[in-house]
Amino acid sequence: MELRNILIIVALALYALVMAGIVSTDAYSHAAGAEARGLHALMAEVRSANTQVAVAR
């Protein structure tokens, strides 16, 4: 059981290290920005569709 706990701790530490490496790259920030712009555009489209449905009623 002790070896299993050590392996779990090592795996979590490696995961944290990999995630920190990914987040610190420019590719991640560009992807996050693109996702935010896409979400903003999607929400604008949904609001527009809701307005058109409300007017049609």
Protein backbone atom coordinates (compact mmCIF):
# COMPACT_ATOMS: atom_id res chain seq x y z
CA MET A 1 0.00 0.00 0.00
CA GLU A 2 2.88 2.35 0.70
CA LEU A 3 4.32 1.95 -2.82
CA ARG A 4 0.91 2.75 -4.29
CA ASN A 5 0.73 6.02 -2.32
CA ILE A 6 4.20 7.01 -3.49
CA LEU A 7 3.25 6.30 -7.11
CA ILE A 8 0.10 8.38 -6.76
CA ILE A 9 2.09 11.31 -5.35
CA VAL A 10 4.68 11.05 -8.14
CA ALA A 11 1.94 10.91 -10.78
CA LEU A 12 0.21 13.99 -9.34
CA ALA A 13 3.49 15.88 -9.21
CA LEU A 14 4.24 15.02 -12.85
CA TYR A 15 0.72 16.05 -13.84
CA ALA A 16 1.13 19.40 -12.11
CA LEU A 17 4.50 19.95 -13.77
CA VAL A 18 3.12 19.14 -17.22
CA MET A 19 0.08 21.38 -16.73
CA ALA A 20 2.31 24.27 -15.60
CA GLY A 21 4.42 23.78 -18.70
CA ILE A 22 1.40 23.80 -20.99
CA VAL A 23 -0.17 26.87 -19.40
CA SER A 24 3.07 28.84 -19.65
CA THR A 25 3.31 28.47 -23.44
CA ASP A 26 2.19 31.02 -26.01
CA ALA A 27 0.16 28.37 -27.80
CA TYR A 28 -2.07 27.98 -24.74
CA SER A 29 -2.69 31.71 -24.42
CA HIS A 30 -3.53 31.97 -28.14
CA ALA A 31 -5.90 29.01 -27.91
CA ALA A 32 -7.58 30.44 -24.81
CA GLY A 33 -8.03 33.79 -26.55
CA ALA A 34 -9.50 32.14 -29.63
CA GLU A 35 -11.89 30.15 -27.48
CA ALA A 36 -13.01 33.30 -25.66
CA ARG A 37 -13.63 35.11 -28.96
CA GLY A 38 -15.57 32.12 -30.27
CA LEU A 39 -17.69 31.94 -27.14
CA HIS A 40 -18.40 35.67 -27.37
CA ALA A 41 -19.50 35.27 -31.00
CA LEU A 42 -21.67 32.27 -30.11
CA MET A 43 -23.37 34.12 -27.27
CA ALA A 44 -24.05 37.10 -29.56
CA GLU A 45 -25.64 34.72 -32.09
CA VAL A 46 -27.79 33.06 -29.42
CA ARG A 47 -28.97 36.44 -28.12
CA SER A 48 -29.81 37.49 -31.67
CA ALA A 49 -31.80 34.30 -32.25
CA ASN A 50 -33.67 34.77 -28.95
CA THR A 51 -34.57 38.32 -29.96
CA GLN A 52 -35.87 37.12 -33.33
CA VAL A 53 -37.99 34.43 -31.64
CA ALA A 54 -39.41 36.95 -29.17
CA VAL A 55 -40.33 39.34 -31.99
CA ALA A 56 -42.00 36.56 -34.00
CA ARG A 57 -44.35 35.65 -31.15
